[in-house]
Protein backbone atom coordinates (compact mmCIF):
# COMPACT_ATOMS: atom_id res chain seq x y z
CA MET A 1 -9.57 7.50 -0.08
CA LYS A 2 -10.05 7.45 -3.93
CA GLY A 3 -7.75 10.07 -5.25
CA HIS A 4 -6.26 11.14 -1.89
CA PRO A 5 -2.64 9.80 -1.69
CA GLY A 6 -2.19 11.01 1.89
CA ALA A 7 -5.20 9.05 3.17
CA GLN A 8 -4.04 6.01 1.21
CA SER A 9 -0.60 6.14 2.84
CA GLY A 10 -2.29 6.54 6.27
CA VAL A 11 -4.27 3.41 5.68
CA GLY A 12 -1.01 1.62 4.69
CA TRP A 13 0.50 2.60 8.02
CA TYR A 14 -2.43 1.18 9.94
CA TYR A 15 -2.00 -2.14 8.03
CA GLU A 16 1.74 -2.10 8.57
CA VAL A 17 1.60 -1.80 12.33
CA GLY A 18 -1.66 -3.61 12.83
CA ARG A 19 -3.50 -0.70 14.39
CA GLY A 20 -7.16 -1.57 14.99
CA MET A 21 -6.72 -5.13 13.73
CA PRO A 22 -5.58 -8.49 15.24
CA ALA A 23 -2.21 -8.43 13.42
CA PRO A 24 -0.32 -6.42 10.79
CA ASP A 25 -1.08 -7.08 7.23
CA LEU A 26 2.02 -6.28 5.21
CA VAL A 27 0.36 -7.28 1.91
CA ARG A 28 -2.33 -4.70 2.23
CA ALA A 29 0.15 -2.10 3.66
CA TYR A 30 2.33 -2.57 0.51
CA MET A 31 -0.71 -2.14 -1.69
CA TRP A 32 -1.87 1.09 -0.07
CA TYR A 33 1.63 2.50 -0.14
CA THR A 34 2.00 1.68 -3.70
CA LEU A 35 -1.34 3.20 -4.68
CA SER A 36 -0.36 6.37 -2.57
CA ALA A 37 2.92 6.57 -4.42
CA ILE A 38 1.13 6.24 -7.77
CA GLY A 39 -1.11 9.12 -6.65
CA GLY A 40 1.99 11.34 -6.03
CA ASP A 41 2.64 11.04 -2.29
CA PRO A 42 6.45 11.40 -2.04
CA ASP A 43 6.57 9.78 1.44
CA ALA A 44 4.82 6.68 0.29
CA ALA A 45 7.95 5.46 -1.53
CA ILE A 46 9.95 5.67 1.66
CA SER A 47 7.29 3.76 3.55
CA LEU A 48 7.18 1.16 0.72
CA GLU A 49 10.87 0.64 0.95
CA GLU A 50 10.65 -0.01 4.64
CA VAL A 51 7.69 -2.44 4.43
CA VAL A 52 9.38 -4.44 1.71
CA LYS A 53 12.17 -5.21 4.10
CA LYS A 54 9.72 -7.16 6.29
CA MET A 55 8.03 -9.03 3.52
CA THR A 56 8.58 -12.42 1.79
CA GLY A 57 8.64 -12.80 -1.95
CA ASP A 58 5.23 -14.52 -1.91
CA GLU A 59 3.73 -11.60 0.11
CA ILE A 60 5.09 -9.17 -2.41
CA GLU A 61 3.64 -11.14 -5.30
CA LYS A 62 0.25 -11.17 -3.61
CA ALA A 63 0.38 -7.42 -3.05
CA HIS A 64 1.14 -6.81 -6.79
CA VAL A 65 -2.06 -8.66 -7.60
CA LEU A 66 -4.05 -6.37 -5.27
CA VAL A 67 -2.37 -3.29 -6.66
CA GLY A 68 -3.37 -4.41 -10.12
CA ASP A 69 -6.99 -4.86 -9.02
CA TYR A 70 -7.28 -1.57 -7.12
CA LYS A 71 -5.24 0.58 -9.48
CA VAL A 72 -7.70 0.32 -12.32
CA TRP A 73 -10.47 1.57 -10.07
CA MET A 74 -8.60 4.27 -8.24
CA TYR A 75 -6.30 5.59 -11.01
CA PRO A 76 -7.84 4.59 -14.30
CA PHE A 77 -5.58 6.83 -16.50
CA ARG A 78 -2.28 6.05 -14.84
């Protein structure tokens, strides 16, 4: 998934709907959609807007921490 925004967005969807896991994880969905948007996937921004509507402020804050952790590894020059 490193460097493939479409795959990152797809993983975000799996987390958003809880596909293949016990429950949805909106924090991780937000993280993957954000990384996908950074990578250039235009649809990721739309997905991100939708997932934010379902999240609390605390969840969004946790997601920003994850984005910061992963962004350095996935997109070191952005």
